[in-house]
């Protein structure tokens, strides 16, 4: 007896490789989105707290609300410090300081780094060599010692902290932008723009820069984490944001003498710094994977 064979058009065929690849890419994109969502939510909460600090904080950051140090409780969520100030209020205002310092410092470093990197990568020649040698000289100094040396010559305050961090952290951005410009300037659309008479500045900032922005965005995100860590380190050493202005770094400095009797004074600002910096690093890594599809990241 002859067996009925399924018709080729109605048989169950395995999905085509292209369909399987689309499914795998969709799953990978979904996983990346989930991993990026959690740090974004945490960072968004910190940003909202910093913006709404006068509304969220139950007390003024420098108001003495108790005559003694109190452990975390329902009345004082994070407890009070050695002067009787509410730590939760100071931590919220400290988030505003840390995020502001990071934003301004990274913006300054991006302006310097993009400008010098674009000039070096686009024009090349002696200008490229001169800028890159200057970058090498700046990178030869340990960054923390360079920052401390400059800070020692200035009056410690929040404005000088932002200025010093921005002026000492642009070198990596400059090298990154230069590499992108060296690659993009050889493309045909750049040659076409030159052929129709576009000015160098128009080509640099209107035509090339938008196509080099992906690694710059990643560098800026990671730079925020570095700037917050640097500000906290300077404030901890007494060369950053000065008391009584609250900063997570100077809150740690004030807590040194009370590590045994009131450990929450150091634990709370330390955890806040850890969570904020880790969130920026996770967001930066997620953006790196999302914006650079040419690389195959392990574990994606």
C-alpha atoms as a PDB file:
ATOM      1  CA  UNK A   1       0.000   0.000   0.000  1.00  0.00           C
ATOM      2  CA  UNK A   2       1.323   3.364  -0.961  1.00  0.00           C
ATOM      3  CA  UNK A   3       1.733   5.843   1.843  1.00  0.00           C
ATOM      4  CA  UNK A   4       0.374   9.305   1.431  1.00  0.00           C
ATOM      5  CA  UNK A   5       3.237  11.761   1.320  1.00  0.00           C
ATOM      6  CA  UNK A   6       2.613  15.306   2.561  1.00  0.00           C
ATOM      7  CA  UNK A   7       2.461  17.888  -0.100  1.00  0.00           C
ATOM      8  CA  UNK A   8       5.642  19.990  -0.237  1.00  0.00           C
ATOM      9  CA  UNK A   9       3.652  23.196   0.107  1.00  0.00           C
ATOM     10  CA  UNK A  10       1.728  21.991   3.183  1.00  0.00           C
ATOM     11  CA  UNK A  11       4.528  20.143   5.000  1.00  0.00           C
ATOM     12  CA  UNK A  12       5.863  21.503   8.303  1.00  0.00           C
ATOM     13  CA  UNK A  13       9.217  22.960   7.429  1.00  0.00           C
ATOM     14  CA  UNK A  14      11.749  24.271   9.931  1.00  0.00           C
ATOM     15  CA  UNK A  15      12.009  28.024  10.045  1.00  0.00           C
ATOM     16  CA  UNK A  16      14.425  29.582   7.648  1.00  0.00           C
ATOM     17  CA  UNK A  17      17.801  30.679   9.015  1.00  0.00           C
ATOM     18  CA  UNK A  18      16.809  34.295   8.504  1.00  0.00           C
ATOM     19  CA  UNK A  19      13.740  33.821  10.711  1.00  0.00           C
ATOM     20  CA  UNK A  20      15.802  32.092  13.387  1.00  0.00           C
ATOM     21  CA  UNK A  21      18.354  34.887  13.313  1.00  0.00           C
ATOM     22  CA  UNK A  22      15.613  37.501  13.636  1.00  0.00           C
ATOM     23  CA  UNK A  23      14.213  35.657  16.641  1.00  0.00           C
ATOM     24  CA  UNK A  24      17.621  35.416  18.305  1.00  0.00           C
ATOM     25  CA  UNK A  25      18.285  39.104  17.661  1.00  0.00           C
ATOM     26  CA  UNK A  26      14.888  39.975  19.116  1.00  0.00           C
ATOM     27  CA  UNK A  27      15.599  37.951  22.274  1.00  0.00           C
ATOM     28  CA  UNK A  28      19.030  39.539  22.619  1.00  0.00           C
ATOM     29  CA  UNK A  29      17.594  43.039  22.231  1.00  0.00           C
ATOM     30  CA  UNK A  30      14.918  42.269  24.817  1.00  0.00           C
ATOM     31  CA  UNK A  31      17.535  41.053  27.313  1.00  0.00           C
ATOM     32  CA  UNK A  32      19.640  44.153  26.744  1.00  0.00           C
ATOM     33  CA  UNK A  33      16.600  46.356  27.274  1.00  0.00           C
ATOM     34  CA  UNK A  34      15.725  44.640  30.562  1.00  0.00           C
ATOM     35  CA  UNK A  35      19.305  44.939  31.826  1.00  0.00           C
ATOM     36  CA  UNK A  36      19.360  48.619  30.895  1.00  0.00           C
ATOM     37  CA  UNK A  37      15.967  49.379  32.449  1.00  0.00           C
ATOM     38  CA  UNK A  38      16.876  48.623  36.067  1.00  0.00           C
ATOM     39  CA  UNK A  39      19.868  51.016  36.361  1.00  0.00           C
ATOM     40  CA  UNK A  40      17.888  53.645  34.438  1.00  0.00           C
ATOM     41  CA  UNK A  41      15.072  53.441  36.974  1.00  0.00           C
ATOM     42  CA  UNK A  42      17.506  53.723  39.891  1.00  0.00           C
ATOM     43  CA  UNK A  43      19.313  56.651  38.322  1.00  0.00           C
ATOM     44  CA  UNK A  44      16.011  58.300  37.461  1.00  0.00           C
ATOM     45  CA  UNK A  45      14.975  58.063  41.111  1.00  0.00           C
ATOM     46  CA  UNK A  46      18.222  59.754  42.172  1.00  0.00           C
ATOM     47  CA  UNK A  47      17.770  62.510  39.584  1.00  0.00           C
ATOM     48  CA  UNK A  48      14.182  63.139  40.698  1.00  0.00           C
ATOM     49  CA  UNK A  49      15.310  63.239  44.327  1.00  0.00           C
ATOM     50  CA  UNK A  50      18.021  65.761  43.466  1.00  0.00           C
ATOM     51  CA  UNK A  51      15.632  68.001  41.525  1.00  0.00           C
ATOM     52  CA  UNK A  52      12.902  67.803  44.160  1.00  0.00           C
ATOM     53  CA  UNK A  53      15.255  67.975  47.145  1.00  0.00           C
ATOM     54  CA  UNK A  54      13.442  70.920  48.839  1.00  0.00           C
ATOM     55  CA  UNK A  55      10.173  68.976  48.570  1.00  0.00           C
ATOM     56  CA  UNK A  56      11.431  65.508  49.488  1.00  0.00           C
ATOM     57  CA  UNK A  57      13.791  66.423  52.320  1.00  0.00           C
ATOM     58  CA  UNK A  58      11.853  66.707  55.605  1.00  0.00           C
ATOM     59  CA  UNK A  59      14.388  69.156  57.080  1.00  0.00           C
ATOM     60  CA  UNK A  60      16.884  71.701  55.904  1.00  0.00           C
ATOM     61  CA  UNK A  61      20.238  70.049  55.191  1.00  0.00           C
ATOM     62  CA  UNK A  62      21.984  72.051  57.928  1.00  0.00           C
ATOM     63  CA  UNK A  63      19.154  72.236  60.474  1.00  0.00           C
ATOM     64  CA  UNK A  64      19.933  70.714  63.881  1.00  0.00           C
ATOM     65  CA  UNK A  65      16.870  68.602  64.628  1.00  0.00           C
ATOM     66  CA  UNK A  66      18.144  66.731  67.668  1.00  0.00           C
ATOM     67  CA  UNK A  67      20.752  67.278  70.342  1.00  0.00           C
ATOM     68  CA  UNK A  68      22.200  63.759  70.021  1.00  0.00           C
ATOM     69  CA  UNK A  69      23.045  61.189  67.375  1.00  0.00           C
ATOM     70  CA  UNK A  70      20.069  58.943  66.649  1.00  0.00           C
ATOM     71  CA  UNK A  71      20.091  55.640  64.788  1.00  0.00           C
ATOM     72  CA  UNK A  72      17.792  55.197  61.742  1.00  0.00           C
ATOM     73  CA  UNK A  73      14.146  55.198  62.824  1.00  0.00           C
ATOM     74  CA  UNK A  74      10.682  56.056  61.579  1.00  0.00           C
ATOM     75  CA  UNK A  75      11.171  59.667  62.618  1.00  0.00           C
ATOM     76  CA  UNK A  76      14.608  59.983  61.002  1.00  0.00           C
ATOM     77  CA  UNK A  77      14.835  57.481  58.146  1.00  0.00           C
ATOM     78  CA  UNK A  78      18.654  57.503  57.978  1.00  0.00           C
ATOM     79  CA  UNK A  79      19.213  58.718  61.535  1.00  0.00           C
ATOM     80  CA  UNK A  80      21.045  61.890  62.558  1.00  0.00           C
ATOM     81  CA  UNK A  81      24.741  62.769  62.513  1.00  0.00           C
ATOM     82  CA  UNK A  82      27.066  63.904  65.282  1.00  0.00           C
ATOM     83  CA  UNK A  83      25.628  67.445  65.156  1.00  0.00           C
ATOM     84  CA  UNK A  84      22.019  66.286  65.192  1.00  0.00           C
ATOM     85  CA  UNK A  85      21.333  66.955  61.506  1.00  0.00           C
ATOM     86  CA  UNK A  86      18.959  64.677  59.587  1.00  0.00           C
ATOM     87  CA  UNK A  87      21.059  62.377  57.374  1.00  0.00           C
ATOM     88  CA  UNK A  88      18.256  61.666  54.902  1.00  0.00           C
ATOM     89  CA  UNK A  89      17.895  65.383  54.177  1.00  0.00           C
ATOM     90  CA  UNK A  90      21.641  65.774  53.794  1.00  0.00           C
ATOM     91  CA  UNK A  91      21.835  62.714  51.531  1.00  0.00           C
ATOM     92  CA  UNK A  92      19.118  64.094  49.240  1.00  0.00           C
ATOM     93  CA  UNK A  93      20.841  67.461  48.960  1.00  0.00           C
ATOM     94  CA  UNK A  94      24.152  65.614  48.539  1.00  0.00           C
ATOM     95  CA  UNK A  95      22.702  63.829  45.496  1.00  0.00           C
ATOM     96  CA  UNK A  96      22.048  67.244  43.947  1.00  0.00           C
ATOM     97  CA  UNK A  97      25.686  68.266  44.549  1.00  0.00           C
ATOM     98  CA  UNK A  98      27.189  65.024  43.215  1.00  0.00           C
ATOM     99  CA  UNK A  99      25.043  64.875  40.083  1.00  0.00           C
ATOM    100  CA  UNK A 100      25.576  68.571  39.348  1.00  0.00           C
ATOM    101  CA  UNK A 101      29.342  68.237  39.679  1.00  0.00           C
ATOM    102  CA  UNK A 102      29.311  65.184  37.411  1.00  0.00           C
ATOM    103  CA  UNK A 103      27.137  66.837  34.768  1.00  0.00           C
ATOM    104  CA  UNK A 104      29.105  70.101  34.590  1.00  0.00           C
ATOM    105  CA  UNK A 105      32.512  68.398  34.714  1.00  0.00           C
ATOM    106  CA  UNK A 106      31.599  65.893  31.990  1.00  0.00           C
ATOM    107  CA  UNK A 107      30.119  68.648  29.816  1.00  0.00           C
ATOM    108  CA  UNK A 108      33.352  70.614  30.066  1.00  0.00           C
ATOM    109  CA  UNK A 109      35.487  67.569  29.292  1.00  0.00           C
ATOM    110  CA  UNK A 110      33.275  66.727  26.299  1.00  0.00           C
ATOM    111  CA  UNK A 111      33.591  70.226  24.847  1.00  0.00           C
ATOM    112  CA  UNK A 112      37.389  70.170  25.098  1.00  0.00           C
ATOM    113  CA  UNK A 113      37.767  66.544  24.037  1.00  0.00           C
ATOM    114  CA  UNK A 114      35.432  66.761  21.037  1.00  0.00           C
ATOM    115  CA  UNK A 115      37.004  69.979  19.774  1.00  0.00           C
ATOM    116  CA  UNK A 116      40.619  68.807  20.027  1.00  0.00           C
ATOM    117  CA  UNK A 117      39.856  65.261  18.868  1.00  0.00           C
ATOM    118  CA  UNK A 118      37.889  66.504  15.858  1.00  0.00           C
ATOM    119  CA  UNK A 119      40.647  68.901  14.803  1.00  0.00           C
ATOM    120  CA  UNK A 120      43.312  66.218  15.171  1.00  0.00           C
ATOM    121  CA  UNK A 121      41.355  63.529  13.333  1.00  0.00           C
ATOM    122  CA  UNK A 122      40.066  65.695  10.498  1.00  0.00           C
ATOM    123  CA  UNK A 123      43.130  67.747   9.597  1.00  0.00           C
ATOM    124  CA  UNK A 124      45.847  65.267  10.585  1.00  0.00           C
ATOM    125  CA  UNK A 125      49.466  66.182   9.902  1.00  0.00           C
ATOM    126  CA  UNK A 126      51.370  68.408  12.302  1.00  0.00           C
ATOM    127  CA  UNK A 127      48.179  69.491  14.084  1.00  0.00           C
ATOM    128  CA  UNK A 128      47.301  65.877  14.837  1.00  0.00           C
ATOM    129  CA  UNK A 129      50.810  65.160  16.099  1.00  0.00           C
ATOM    130  CA  UNK A 130      50.884  68.263  18.299  1.00  0.00           C
ATOM    131  CA  UNK A 131      47.496  67.591  19.901  1.00  0.00           C
ATOM    132  CA  UNK A 132      48.252  63.923  20.492  1.00  0.00           C
ATOM    133  CA  UNK A 133      51.632  64.698  22.091  1.00  0.00           C
ATOM    134  CA  UNK A 134      49.862  67.115  24.428  1.00  0.00           C
ATOM    135  CA  UNK A 135      47.344  64.384  25.242  1.00  0.00           C
ATOM    136  CA  UNK A 136      50.205  61.967  25.979  1.00  0.00           C
ATOM    137  CA  UNK A 137      51.810  64.516  28.304  1.00  0.00           C
ATOM    138  CA  UNK A 138      48.536  64.985  30.184  1.00  0.00           C
ATOM    139  CA  UNK A 139      48.021  61.230  30.455  1.00  0.00           C
ATOM    140  CA  UNK A 140      51.541  60.735  31.817  1.00  0.00           C
ATOM    141  CA  UNK A 141      50.501  62.410  35.083  1.00  0.00           C
ATOM    142  CA  UNK A 142      48.470  60.289  37.533  1.00  0.00           C
ATOM    143  CA  UNK A 143      45.050  61.909  37.391  1.00  0.00           C
ATOM    144  CA  UNK A 144      44.364  62.023  41.128  1.00  0.00           C
ATOM    145  CA  UNK A 145      47.744  63.644  41.862  1.00  0.00           C
ATOM    146  CA  UNK A 146      47.234  66.148  39.071  1.00  0.00           C
ATOM    147  CA  UNK A 147      43.795  67.041  40.459  1.00  0.00           C
ATOM    148  CA  UNK A 148      45.144  67.338  44.004  1.00  0.00           C
ATOM    149  CA  UNK A 149      48.003  69.553  42.838  1.00  0.00           C
ATOM    150  CA  UNK A 150      45.651  71.915  41.005  1.00  0.00           C
ATOM    151  CA  UNK A 151      43.176  71.935  43.878  1.00  0.00           C
ATOM    152  CA  UNK A 152      45.957  72.806  46.324  1.00  0.00           C
ATOM    153  CA  UNK A 153      46.559  76.018  44.366  1.00  0.00           C
ATOM    154  CA  UNK A 154      42.868  76.967  44.301  1.00  0.00           C
ATOM    155  CA  UNK A 155      40.252  77.702  46.924  1.00  0.00           C
ATOM    156  CA  UNK A 156      38.337  74.470  47.618  1.00  0.00           C
ATOM    157  CA  UNK A 157      34.719  74.974  46.547  1.00  0.00           C
ATOM    158  CA  UNK A 158      32.185  73.310  44.307  1.00  0.00           C
ATOM    159  CA  UNK A 159      32.941  75.510  41.280  1.00  0.00           C
ATOM    160  CA  UNK A 160      36.659  74.776  41.351  1.00  0.00           C
ATOM    161  CA  UNK A 161      35.919  71.068  41.799  1.00  0.00           C
ATOM    162  CA  UNK A 162      33.809  71.030  38.626  1.00  0.00           C
ATOM    163  CA  UNK A 163      36.437  73.041  36.738  1.00  0.00           C
ATOM    164  CA  UNK A 164      39.370  70.866  37.816  1.00  0.00           C
ATOM    165  CA  UNK A 165      37.635  67.568  37.076  1.00  0.00           C
ATOM    166  CA  UNK A 166      36.544  68.805  33.642  1.00  0.00           C
ATOM    167  CA  UNK A 167      40.001  70.110  32.736  1.00  0.00           C
ATOM    168  CA  UNK A 168      41.728  66.852  33.698  1.00  0.00           C
ATOM    169  CA  UNK A 169      39.361  64.274  32.165  1.00  0.00           C
ATOM    170  CA  UNK A 170      39.051  65.238  28.488  1.00  0.00           C
ATOM    171  CA  UNK A 171      41.989  63.215  27.139  1.00  0.00           C
ATOM    172  CA  UNK A 172      40.135  59.939  26.680  1.00  0.00           C
ATOM    173  CA  UNK A 173      37.327  61.693  24.816  1.00  0.00           C
ATOM    174  CA  UNK A 174      39.836  63.413  22.535  1.00  0.00           C
ATOM    175  CA  UNK A 175      41.511  60.126  21.588  1.00  0.00           C
ATOM    176  CA  UNK A 176      38.151  58.454  21.017  1.00  0.00           C
ATOM    177  CA  UNK A 177      36.844  61.275  18.805  1.00  0.00           C
ATOM    178  CA  UNK A 178      40.106  61.429  16.857  1.00  0.00           C
ATOM    179  CA  UNK A 179      39.833  57.719  16.022  1.00  0.00           C
ATOM    180  CA  UNK A 180      36.269  58.136  14.786  1.00  0.00           C
ATOM    181  CA  UNK A 181      37.187  61.149  12.644  1.00  0.00           C
ATOM    182  CA  UNK A 182      40.175  59.363  11.095  1.00  0.00           C
ATOM    183  CA  UNK A 183      37.810  56.622   9.961  1.00  0.00           C
ATOM    184  CA  UNK A 184      34.842  58.744   8.875  1.00  0.00           C
ATOM    185  CA  UNK A 185      36.789  61.408   6.970  1.00  0.00           C
ATOM    186  CA  UNK A 186      37.682  58.803   4.316  1.00  0.00           C
ATOM    187  CA  UNK A 187      34.056  58.036   3.479  1.00  0.00           C
ATOM    188  CA  UNK A 188      32.553  59.163   0.198  1.00  0.00           C
ATOM    189  CA  UNK A 189      29.967  61.543   1.617  1.00  0.00           C
ATOM    190  CA  UNK A 190      32.756  63.571   3.256  1.00  0.00           C
ATOM    191  CA  UNK A 191      34.596  63.774  -0.061  1.00  0.00           C
ATOM    192  CA  UNK A 192      31.343  64.837  -1.721  1.00  0.00           C
ATOM    193  CA  UNK A 193      30.829  67.591   0.869  1.00  0.00           C
ATOM    194  CA  UNK A 194      34.363  68.825   0.226  1.00  0.00           C
ATOM    195  CA  UNK A 195      33.800  68.724  -3.532  1.00  0.00           C
ATOM    196  CA  UNK A 196      30.719  70.968  -3.370  1.00  0.00           C
ATOM    197  CA  UNK A 197      32.617  73.535  -1.325  1.00  0.00           C
ATOM    198  CA  UNK A 198      31.413  72.968   2.240  1.00  0.00           C
ATOM    199  CA  UNK A 199      33.636  74.646   4.808  1.00  0.00           C
ATOM    200  CA  UNK A 200      35.827  72.570   7.094  1.00  0.00           C
ATOM    201  CA  UNK A 201      33.850  73.603  10.161  1.00  0.00           C
ATOM    202  CA  UNK A 202      30.563  72.608   8.534  1.00  0.00           C
ATOM    203  CA  UNK A 203      31.948  69.204   7.590  1.00  0.00           C
ATOM    204  CA  UNK A 204      33.461  68.651  11.050  1.00  0.00           C
ATOM    205  CA  UNK A 205      30.427  69.540  13.123  1.00  0.00           C
ATOM    206  CA  UNK A 206      27.472  69.126  10.725  1.00  0.00           C
ATOM    207  CA  UNK A 207      28.419  66.044   8.715  1.00  0.00           C
ATOM    208  CA  UNK A 208      30.960  63.996  10.692  1.00  0.00           C
ATOM    209  CA  UNK A 209      30.079  64.643  14.337  1.00  0.00           C
ATOM    210  CA  UNK A 210      26.517  63.192  14.183  1.00  0.00           C
ATOM    211  CA  UNK A 211      27.968  59.929  12.844  1.00  0.00           C
ATOM    212  CA  UNK A 212      30.553  59.797  15.649  1.00  0.00           C
ATOM    213  CA  UNK A 213      28.163  60.458  18.503  1.00  0.00           C
ATOM    214  CA  UNK A 214      27.557  56.845  19.623  1.00  0.00           C
ATOM    215  CA  UNK A 215      30.940  56.315  21.339  1.00  0.00           C
ATOM    216  CA  UNK A 216      30.796  59.890  22.680  1.00  0.00           C
ATOM    217  CA  UNK A 217      27.484  59.160  24.432  1.00  0.00           C
ATOM    218  CA  UNK A 218      28.984  56.041  26.009  1.00  0.00           C
ATOM    219  CA  UNK A 219      32.088  57.950  27.095  1.00  0.00           C
ATOM    220  CA  UNK A 220      29.940  60.688  28.636  1.00  0.00           C
ATOM    221  CA  UNK A 221      27.912  58.159  30.640  1.00  0.00           C
ATOM    222  CA  UNK A 222      31.020  56.453  31.983  1.00  0.00           C
ATOM    223  CA  UNK A 223      32.586  59.862  32.593  1.00  0.00           C
ATOM    224  CA  UNK A 224      29.697  60.790  34.902  1.00  0.00           C
ATOM    225  CA  UNK A 225      30.572  57.828  37.123  1.00  0.00           C
ATOM    226  CA  UNK A 226      34.230  58.835  37.193  1.00  0.00           C
ATOM    227  CA  UNK A 227      33.416  62.470  37.963  1.00  0.00           C
ATOM    228  CA  UNK A 228      31.155  61.532  40.892  1.00  0.00           C
ATOM    229  CA  UNK A 229      33.856  59.249  42.292  1.00  0.00           C
ATOM    230  CA  UNK A 230      36.491  61.969  41.921  1.00  0.00           C
ATOM    231  CA  UNK A 231      34.297  64.582  43.611  1.00  0.00           C
ATOM    232  CA  UNK A 232      33.589  62.188  46.484  1.00  0.00           C
ATOM    233  CA  UNK A 233      37.303  61.468  46.859  1.00  0.00           C
ATOM    234  CA  UNK A 234      38.215  65.159  46.909  1.00  0.00           C
ATOM    235  CA  UNK A 235      35.471  65.967  49.404  1.00  0.00           C
ATOM    236  CA  UNK A 236      36.553  63.043  51.585  1.00  0.00           C
ATOM    237  CA  UNK A 237      40.082  64.454  51.624  1.00  0.00           C
ATOM    238  CA  UNK A 238      38.772  67.906  52.504  1.00  0.00           C
ATOM    239  CA  UNK A 239      39.718  69.425  49.130  1.00  0.00           C
ATOM    240  CA  UNK A 240      36.324  69.301  47.464  1.00  0.00           C
ATOM    241  CA  UNK A 241      32.913  70.551  48.522  1.00  0.00           C
ATOM    242  CA  UNK A 242      33.367  72.251  51.885  1.00  0.00           C
ATOM    243  CA  UNK A 243      31.113  71.874  54.940  1.00  0.00           C
ATOM    244  CA  UNK A 244      28.435  72.694  55.830  1.00  0.00           C
ATOM    245  CA  UNK A 245      27.350  72.123  52.198  1.00  0.00           C
ATOM    246  CA  UNK A 246      26.326  68.434  52.126  1.00  0.00           C
ATOM    247  CA  UNK A 247      28.176  66.088  49.839  1.00  0.00           C
ATOM    248  CA  UNK A 248      28.396  62.321  49.989  1.00  0.00           C
ATOM    249  CA  UNK A 249      32.172  62.639  50.155  1.00  0.00           C
ATOM    250  CA  UNK A 250      32.325  65.047  53.096  1.00  0.00           C
ATOM    251  CA  UNK A 251      29.605  63.027  54.855  1.00  0.00           C
ATOM    252  CA  UNK A 252      32.035  60.108  54.721  1.00  0.00           C
ATOM    253  CA  UNK A 253      34.808  62.349  56.022  1.00  0.00           C
ATOM    254  CA  UNK A 254      32.680  63.425  59.000  1.00  0.00           C
ATOM    255  CA  UNK A 255      31.801  59.798  59.764  1.00  0.00           C
ATOM    256  CA  UNK A 256      35.390  58.617  60.279  1.00  0.00           C
ATOM    257  CA  UNK A 257      35.426  59.343  63.992  1.00  0.00           C
ATOM    258  CA  UNK A 258      32.157  57.485  64.596  1.00  0.00           C
ATOM    259  CA  UNK A 259      32.688  54.216  62.745  1.00  0.00           C
ATOM    260  CA  UNK A 260      32.286  52.094  65.887  1.00  0.00           C
ATOM    261  CA  UNK A 261      29.514  53.998  67.650  1.00  0.00           C
ATOM    262  CA  UNK A 262      27.452  55.152  64.651  1.00  0.00           C
ATOM    263  CA  UNK A 263      28.404  53.085  61.582  1.00  0.00           C
ATOM    264  CA  UNK A 264      25.337  54.249  59.629  1.00  0.00           C
ATOM    265  CA  UNK A 265      27.004  57.649  59.220  1.00  0.00           C
ATOM    266  CA  UNK A 266      29.499  56.043  56.808  1.00  0.00           C
ATOM    267  CA  UNK A 267      27.414  53.162  55.456  1.00  0.00           C
ATOM    268  CA  UNK A 268      24.604  55.311  54.038  1.00  0.00           C
ATOM    269  CA  UNK A 269      26.655  57.770  51.913  1.00  0.00           C
ATOM    270  CA  UNK A 270      28.962  54.922  50.880  1.00  0.00           C
ATOM    271  CA  UNK A 271      26.030  52.868  49.583  1.00  0.00           C
ATOM    272  CA  UNK A 272      24.607  55.895  47.770  1.00  0.00           C
ATOM    273  CA  UNK A 273      27.932  56.469  45.992  1.00  0.00           C
ATOM    274  CA  UNK A 274      28.168  52.758  45.124  1.00  0.00           C
ATOM    275  CA  UNK A 275      24.631  52.558  43.708  1.00  0.00           C
ATOM    276  CA  UNK A 276      24.969  55.769  41.671  1.00  0.00           C
ATOM    277  CA  UNK A 277      28.355  54.921  40.175  1.00  0.00           C
ATOM    278  CA  UNK A 278      27.333  51.327  39.451  1.00  0.00           C
ATOM    279  CA  UNK A 279      24.157  52.529  37.733  1.00  0.00           C
ATOM    280  CA  UNK A 280      26.155  54.809  35.435  1.00  0.00           C
ATOM    281  CA  UNK A 281      28.566  51.998  34.594  1.00  0.00           C
ATOM    282  CA  UNK A 282      25.738  49.579  33.812  1.00  0.00           C
ATOM    283  CA  UNK A 283      23.992  52.177  31.650  1.00  0.00           C
ATOM    284  CA  UNK A 284      27.252  52.935  29.855  1.00  0.00           C
ATOM    285  CA  UNK A 285      27.878  49.255  29.170  1.00  0.00           C
ATOM    286  CA  UNK A 286      24.310  48.801  27.972  1.00  0.00           C
ATOM    287  CA  UNK A 287      24.602  51.774  25.634  1.00  0.00           C
ATOM    288  CA  UNK A 288      27.926  50.462  24.349  1.00  0.00           C
ATOM    289  CA  UNK A 289      26.288  47.189  23.347  1.00  0.00           C
ATOM    290  CA  UNK A 290      23.199  48.878  21.910  1.00  0.00           C
ATOM    291  CA  UNK A 291      24.991  51.567  19.916  1.00  0.00           C
ATOM    292  CA  UNK A 292      27.841  49.454  18.565  1.00  0.00           C
ATOM    293  CA  UNK A 293      26.244  46.466  16.751  1.00  0.00           C
ATOM    294  CA  UNK A 294      29.525  45.647  14.979  1.00  0.00           C
ATOM    295  CA  UNK A 295      30.888  44.008  18.131  1.00  0.00           C
ATOM    296  CA  UNK A 296      29.769  40.647  19.417  1.00  0.00           C
ATOM    297  CA  UNK A 297      29.694  40.915  23.184  1.00  0.00           C
ATOM    298  CA  UNK A 298      30.035  37.773  25.181  1.00  0.00           C
ATOM    299  CA  UNK A 299      27.109  36.966  27.388  1.00  0.00           C
ATOM    300  CA  UNK A 300      24.678  39.124  25.432  1.00  0.00           C
END
